[in-house]
C-alpha atoms as a PDB file:
ATOM      1  CA  MET A   1     -61.345 -33.739  -9.518  1.00  0.00           C
ATOM      2  CA  THR A   2     -58.842 -31.930 -11.749  1.00  0.00           C
ATOM      3  CA  PRO A   3     -55.364 -31.611 -10.244  1.00  0.00           C
ATOM      4  CA  ASP A   4     -54.163 -28.093  -9.515  1.00  0.00           C
ATOM      5  CA  PRO A   5     -51.832 -27.111 -12.397  1.00  0.00           C
ATOM      6  CA  VAL A   6     -49.515 -25.109 -10.132  1.00  0.00           C
ATOM      7  CA  ASP A   7     -49.086 -28.112  -7.820  1.00  0.00           C
ATOM      8  CA  GLN A   8     -48.446 -30.319 -10.848  1.00  0.00           C
ATOM      9  CA  ALA A   9     -45.794 -27.893 -12.089  1.00  0.00           C
ATOM     10  CA  ARG A  10     -44.109 -27.888  -8.663  1.00  0.00           C
ATOM     11  CA  ARG A  11     -43.977 -31.705  -8.689  1.00  0.00           C
ATOM     12  CA  LEU A  12     -42.598 -31.726 -12.209  1.00  0.00           C
ATOM     13  CA  ALA A  13     -39.930 -29.173 -11.311  1.00  0.00           C
ATOM     14  CA  ARG A  14     -38.641 -31.425  -8.491  1.00  0.00           C
ATOM     15  CA  ASP A  15     -38.441 -34.718 -10.372  1.00  0.00           C
ATOM     16  CA  PRO A  16     -36.526 -34.399 -13.667  1.00  0.00           C
ATOM     17  CA  PHE A  17     -34.822 -31.097 -12.795  1.00  0.00           C
ATOM     18  CA  PRO A  18     -33.313 -31.458  -9.312  1.00  0.00           C
ATOM     19  CA  ASP A  19     -30.321 -29.275 -10.297  1.00  0.00           C
ATOM     20  CA  ALA A  20     -32.307 -26.574 -12.088  1.00  0.00           C
ATOM     21  CA  LEU A  21     -31.117 -23.032 -11.452  1.00  0.00           C
ATOM     22  CA  GLY A  22     -34.567 -21.646 -12.138  1.00  0.00           C
ATOM     23  CA  VAL A  23     -38.020 -22.926 -13.041  1.00  0.00           C
ATOM     24  CA  VAL A  24     -40.869 -20.629 -14.091  1.00  0.00           C
ATOM     25  CA  LEU A  25     -44.474 -21.612 -14.790  1.00  0.00           C
ATOM     26  CA  ALA A  26     -46.204 -19.329 -17.296  1.00  0.00           C
ATOM     27  CA  GLY A  27     -49.486 -19.114 -19.139  1.00  0.00           C
ATOM     28  CA  SER A  28     -53.065 -19.654 -18.078  1.00  0.00           C
ATOM     29  CA  PRO A  29     -52.362 -21.346 -14.700  1.00  0.00           C
ATOM     30  CA  THR A  30     -50.516 -18.268 -13.446  1.00  0.00           C
ATOM     31  CA  ALA A  31     -53.268 -15.949 -14.658  1.00  0.00           C
ATOM     32  CA  GLY A  32     -56.044 -17.932 -12.979  1.00  0.00           C
ATOM     33  CA  ARG A  33     -57.495 -19.004 -16.347  1.00  0.00           C
ATOM     34  CA  ALA A  34     -56.465 -22.668 -16.376  1.00  0.00           C
ATOM     35  CA  THR A  35     -58.975 -25.265 -17.459  1.00  0.00           C
ATOM     36  CA  ALA A  36     -58.810 -29.044 -17.181  1.00  0.00           C
ATOM     37  CA  GLY A  37     -57.309 -29.097 -20.687  1.00  0.00           C
ATOM     38  CA  SER A  38     -54.782 -26.301 -20.190  1.00  0.00           C
ATOM     39  CA  ASP A  39     -51.174 -27.164 -20.823  1.00  0.00           C
ATOM     40  CA  LEU A  40     -48.279 -26.138 -18.604  1.00  0.00           C
ATOM     41  CA  ASP A  41     -45.683 -23.819 -20.111  1.00  0.00           C
ATOM     42  CA  ILE A  42     -42.512 -24.214 -18.067  1.00  0.00           C
ATOM     43  CA  ALA A  43     -39.194 -22.444 -18.581  1.00  0.00           C
ATOM     44  CA  VAL A  44     -36.256 -24.292 -17.014  1.00  0.00           C
ATOM     45  CA  LEU A  45     -32.867 -22.645 -16.534  1.00  0.00           C
ATOM     46  CA  ILE A  46     -29.959 -25.092 -16.281  1.00  0.00           C
ATOM     47  CA  GLY A  47     -26.196 -24.741 -15.911  1.00  0.00           C
ATOM     48  CA  ASP A  48     -24.134 -23.721 -18.925  1.00  0.00           C
ATOM     49  CA  GLY A  49     -22.842 -27.280 -19.394  1.00  0.00           C
ATOM     50  CA  GLY A  50     -26.358 -28.665 -19.883  1.00  0.00           C
ATOM     51  CA  GLU A  51     -28.283 -29.328 -23.075  1.00  0.00           C
ATOM     52  CA  ALA A  52     -30.890 -26.794 -24.132  1.00  0.00           C
ATOM     53  CA  CYS A  53     -34.048 -28.045 -25.823  1.00  0.00           C
ATOM     54  CA  ARG A  54     -37.756 -27.585 -26.216  1.00  0.00           C
ATOM     55  CA  GLU A  55     -39.859 -30.597 -25.487  1.00  0.00           C
ATOM     56  CA  THR A  56     -43.515 -31.540 -25.167  1.00  0.00           C
ATOM     57  CA  ILE A  57     -44.337 -34.222 -22.609  1.00  0.00           C
ATOM     58  CA  ARG A  58     -47.290 -35.537 -20.649  1.00  0.00           C
ATOM     59  CA  PHE A  59     -47.086 -35.294 -16.888  1.00  0.00           C
ATOM     60  CA  GLU A  60     -49.873 -36.678 -14.722  1.00  0.00           C
ATOM     61  CA  GLY A  61     -52.168 -36.567 -17.743  1.00  0.00           C
ATOM     62  CA  ARG A  62     -51.447 -32.933 -18.622  1.00  0.00           C
ATOM     63  CA  VAL A  63     -49.548 -31.671 -21.672  1.00  0.00           C
ATOM     64  CA  VAL A  64     -46.391 -29.796 -20.678  1.00  0.00           C
ATOM     65  CA  GLU A  65     -44.305 -27.553 -22.930  1.00  0.00           C
ATOM     66  CA  LEU A  66     -40.753 -27.401 -21.584  1.00  0.00           C
ATOM     67  CA  PHE A  67     -38.396 -24.604 -22.608  1.00  0.00           C
ATOM     68  CA  ILE A  68     -35.002 -25.709 -21.276  1.00  0.00           C
ATOM     69  CA  HIS A  69     -32.134 -23.242 -21.633  1.00  0.00           C
ATOM     70  CA  THR A  70     -28.693 -22.603 -20.213  1.00  0.00           C
ATOM     71  CA  ARG A  71     -27.823 -19.179 -18.802  1.00  0.00           C
ATOM     72  CA  ALA A  72     -25.694 -18.294 -21.839  1.00  0.00           C
ATOM     73  CA  GLY A  73     -28.277 -19.739 -24.212  1.00  0.00           C
ATOM     74  CA  LEU A  74     -31.046 -17.733 -22.591  1.00  0.00           C
ATOM     75  CA  VAL A  75     -29.166 -14.475 -23.136  1.00  0.00           C
ATOM     76  CA  ASP A  76     -28.573 -15.424 -26.795  1.00  0.00           C
ATOM     77  CA  LEU A  77     -32.210 -16.408 -27.250  1.00  0.00           C
ATOM     78  CA  PHE A  78     -33.439 -13.168 -25.695  1.00  0.00           C
ATOM     79  CA  ALA A  79     -31.219 -11.220 -28.130  1.00  0.00           C
ATOM     80  CA  ALA A  80     -32.494 -13.231 -31.115  1.00  0.00           C
ATOM     81  CA  ASP A  81     -36.104 -12.685 -30.020  1.00  0.00           C
ATOM     82  CA  VAL A  82     -35.542  -8.935 -29.691  1.00  0.00           C
ATOM     83  CA  ALA A  83     -34.112  -8.866 -33.222  1.00  0.00           C
ATOM     84  CA  ALA A  84     -37.132 -10.857 -34.483  1.00  0.00           C
ATOM     85  CA  ARG A  85     -39.506  -8.498 -32.654  1.00  0.00           C
ATOM     86  CA  ARG A  86     -41.062 -11.248 -30.562  1.00  0.00           C
ATOM     87  CA  ALA A  87     -40.700 -11.763 -26.850  1.00  0.00           C
ATOM     88  CA  VAL A  88     -42.442 -15.007 -25.975  1.00  0.00           C
ATOM     89  CA  LEU A  89     -39.806 -16.365 -23.596  1.00  0.00           C
ATOM     90  CA  GLN A  90     -39.267 -12.900 -22.107  1.00  0.00           C
ATOM     91  CA  SER A  91     -42.999 -12.747 -21.422  1.00  0.00           C
ATOM     92  CA  MET A  92     -42.890 -16.158 -19.747  1.00  0.00           C
ATOM     93  CA  CYS A  93     -39.931 -15.221 -17.551  1.00  0.00           C
ATOM     94  CA  ALA A  94     -41.233 -11.750 -16.682  1.00  0.00           C
ATOM     95  CA  THR A  95     -44.804 -12.673 -15.777  1.00  0.00           C
ATOM     96  CA  GLY A  96     -44.604 -16.325 -14.764  1.00  0.00           C
ATOM     97  CA  LEU A  97     -44.655 -17.888 -11.326  1.00  0.00           C
ATOM     98  CA  VAL A  98     -41.150 -18.717 -10.085  1.00  0.00           C
ATOM     99  CA  LEU A  99     -41.096 -22.286  -8.768  1.00  0.00           C
ATOM    100  CA  VAL A 100     -37.320 -22.667  -8.304  1.00  0.00           C
ATOM    101  CA  ASP A 101     -34.777 -19.873  -7.840  1.00  0.00           C
ATOM    102  CA  THR A 102     -31.351 -21.267  -6.998  1.00  0.00           C
ATOM    103  CA  ASP A 103     -28.983 -18.483  -5.968  1.00  0.00           C
ATOM    104  CA  GLY A 104     -31.230 -15.837  -7.541  1.00  0.00           C
ATOM    105  CA  GLU A 105     -30.871 -17.185 -11.104  1.00  0.00           C
ATOM    106  CA  ALA A 106     -34.598 -17.037 -11.899  1.00  0.00           C
ATOM    107  CA  GLY A 107     -34.664 -13.507 -10.534  1.00  0.00           C
ATOM    108  CA  ARG A 108     -31.790 -12.495 -12.823  1.00  0.00           C
ATOM    109  CA  ALA A 109     -33.551 -14.065 -15.813  1.00  0.00           C
ATOM    110  CA  ARG A 110     -36.723 -12.186 -14.861  1.00  0.00           C
ATOM    111  CA  ALA A 111     -34.822  -8.887 -14.636  1.00  0.00           C
ATOM    112  CA  LEU A 112     -33.313  -9.430 -18.115  1.00  0.00           C
ATOM    113  CA  ALA A 113     -36.737 -10.309 -19.523  1.00  0.00           C
ATOM    114  CA  GLU A 114     -38.398  -7.287 -17.931  1.00  0.00           C
ATOM    115  CA  ALA A 115     -35.665  -5.000 -19.287  1.00  0.00           C
ATOM    116  CA  ASP A 116     -36.205  -6.338 -22.817  1.00  0.00           C
ATOM    117  CA  LEU A 117     -39.970  -5.874 -22.527  1.00  0.00           C
ATOM    118  CA  ARG A 118     -39.624  -2.329 -21.189  1.00  0.00           C
ATOM    119  CA  GLU A 119     -37.150  -1.306 -23.882  1.00  0.00           C
ATOM    120  CA  GLY A 120     -39.075  -2.924 -26.718  1.00  0.00           C
ATOM    121  CA  PRO A 121     -37.635  -3.976 -30.030  1.00  0.00           C
ATOM    122  CA  PRO A 122     -35.410  -1.664 -32.044  1.00  0.00           C
ATOM    123  CA  PRO A 123     -37.082   0.647 -34.544  1.00  0.00           C
ATOM    124  CA  PRO A 124     -37.615  -1.022 -37.913  1.00  0.00           C
ATOM    125  CA  ALA A 125     -35.280  -0.122 -40.754  1.00  0.00           C
ATOM    126  CA  PRO A 126     -36.737   2.392 -43.236  1.00  0.00           C
ATOM    127  CA  GLU A 127     -36.703  -0.228 -46.006  1.00  0.00           C
ATOM    128  CA  THR A 128     -38.763  -2.565 -43.785  1.00  0.00           C
ATOM    129  CA  VAL A 129     -41.369   0.127 -43.245  1.00  0.00           C
ATOM    130  CA  GLU A 130     -41.433   0.862 -46.981  1.00  0.00           C
ATOM    131  CA  THR A 131     -41.824  -2.835 -47.879  1.00  0.00           C
ATOM    132  CA  LYS A 132     -44.684  -3.230 -45.406  1.00  0.00           C
ATOM    133  CA  ARG A 133     -46.303  -0.010 -46.642  1.00  0.00           C
ATOM    134  CA  TYR A 134     -46.167  -1.348 -50.212  1.00  0.00           C
ATOM    135  CA  GLY A 135     -47.656  -4.682 -49.110  1.00  0.00           C
ATOM    136  CA  LEU A 136     -50.457  -2.923 -47.256  1.00  0.00           C
ATOM    137  CA  THR A 137     -51.268  -0.643 -50.194  1.00  0.00           C
ATOM    138  CA  ASP A 138     -51.247  -3.613 -52.580  1.00  0.00           C
ATOM    139  CA  ALA A 139     -53.542  -5.623 -50.294  1.00  0.00           C
ATOM    140  CA  LEU A 140     -55.960  -2.691 -49.958  1.00  0.00           C
ATOM    141  CA  ASP A 141     -56.075  -2.344 -53.756  1.00  0.00           C
ATOM    142  CA  ASP A 142     -56.864  -6.070 -53.974  1.00  0.00           C
ATOM    143  CA  LEU A 143     -59.556  -5.654 -51.325  1.00  0.00           C
ATOM    144  CA  ALA A 144     -61.210  -2.850 -53.292  1.00  0.00           C
ATOM    145  CA  ASP A 145     -61.382  -5.155 -56.319  1.00  0.00           C
ATOM    146  CA  ALA A 146     -62.453  -8.292 -54.437  1.00  0.00           C
ATOM    147  CA  GLY A 147     -65.916  -9.374 -55.481  1.00  0.00           C
ATOM    148  CA  ASP A 148     -65.831 -12.569 -53.453  1.00  0.00           C
ATOM    149  CA  PRO A 149     -66.432 -12.390 -49.655  1.00  0.00           C
ATOM    150  CA  ILE A 150     -64.009 -15.279 -49.050  1.00  0.00           C
ATOM    151  CA  ALA A 151     -61.230 -13.524 -50.970  1.00  0.00           C
ATOM    152  CA  ALA A 152     -62.005 -10.290 -49.134  1.00  0.00           C
ATOM    153  CA  SER A 153     -61.804 -12.118 -45.794  1.00  0.00           C
ATOM    154  CA  GLY A 154     -58.396 -13.537 -46.715  1.00  0.00           C
ATOM    155  CA  ILE A 155     -57.117 -10.102 -47.694  1.00  0.00           C
ATOM    156  CA  LEU A 156     -58.396  -8.626 -44.425  1.00  0.00           C
ATOM    157  CA  ASP A 157     -56.485 -11.317 -42.530  1.00  0.00           C
ATOM    158  CA  LEU A 158     -53.317 -10.235 -44.355  1.00  0.00           C
ATOM    159  CA  VAL A 159     -53.973  -6.571 -43.651  1.00  0.00           C
ATOM    160  CA  GLY A 160     -54.830  -7.138 -39.994  1.00  0.00           C
ATOM    161  CA  GLY A 161     -51.887  -9.339 -39.074  1.00  0.00           C
ATOM    162  CA  PRO A 162     -48.330  -9.304 -40.327  1.00  0.00           C
ATOM    163  CA  ARG A 163     -48.758  -6.164 -42.440  1.00  0.00           C
ATOM    164  CA  ARG A 164     -49.178  -3.963 -39.384  1.00  0.00           C
ATOM    165  CA  GLU A 165     -46.380  -5.589 -37.408  1.00  0.00           C
ATOM    166  CA  GLY A 166     -42.908  -4.189 -37.547  1.00  0.00           C
ATOM    167  CA  CYS A 167     -43.824  -0.643 -38.512  1.00  0.00           C
ATOM    168  CA  ARG A 168     -43.564   0.630 -34.955  1.00  0.00           C
ATOM    169  CA  ARG A 169     -41.487  -0.182 -31.913  1.00  0.00           C
ATOM    170  CA  SER A 170     -43.839  -2.919 -30.783  1.00  0.00           C
ATOM    171  CA  TRP A 171     -43.601  -6.614 -30.010  1.00  0.00           C
ATOM    172  CA  ARG A 172     -45.151  -9.358 -32.118  1.00  0.00           C
ATOM    173  CA  GLY A 173     -47.130 -12.108 -30.445  1.00  0.00           C
ATOM    174  CA  VAL A 174     -47.017 -10.801 -26.883  1.00  0.00           C
ATOM    175  CA  VAL A 175     -50.316 -11.000 -25.078  1.00  0.00           C
ATOM    176  CA  ASP A 176     -51.932  -8.097 -23.301  1.00  0.00           C
ATOM    177  CA  SER A 177     -51.167  -9.748 -19.964  1.00  0.00           C
ATOM    178  CA  VAL A 178     -47.569  -8.533 -20.275  1.00  0.00           C
ATOM    179  CA  ALA A 179     -48.694  -4.924 -20.351  1.00  0.00           C
ATOM    180  CA  ALA A 180     -51.157  -5.563 -17.548  1.00  0.00           C
ATOM    181  CA  ALA A 181     -48.526  -7.308 -15.410  1.00  0.00           C
ATOM    182  CA  SER A 182     -46.037  -4.492 -15.906  1.00  0.00           C
ATOM    183  CA  GLY A 183     -48.612  -1.843 -15.009  1.00  0.00           C
ATOM    184  CA  SER A 184     -48.550  -0.242 -18.480  1.00  0.00           C
END
């Protein structure tokens, strides 16, 4: 029988992180889509004197991705992610299952994450839009001239991915579950 990933995450949160201010489980286990091979994505909030890191471990046979941050480091990371137009950790904190919430710290992190997600990234600079427009036009010209289906497929990948990102006030790499969880 496969162990319950939420129970595993609760056990993991107790053992190496007894002084954690907040622990949040994110990803497929919290959405009811976990499989026997699903990893655990766990954000751990520690005191400002602690050491922030990202680490991959095995716990009870399951791969675990740990995102360990201090309060101050989390605020800095959120700001850097907003500037980069990605909100992976914000998504984890906003939609994940809170396992530990010492003195409301996980709740405060969630509120910051939700605010970032609601506000969205800043509008792109005009030169960024122009550069992406040029890249898109160039790729479409290449596509029109592509006689090889493999080359055409590669060009379509370029057109469909990074070329369309950053031209609107939208996040990169944030799954639809964020919008669904926020009621959007």
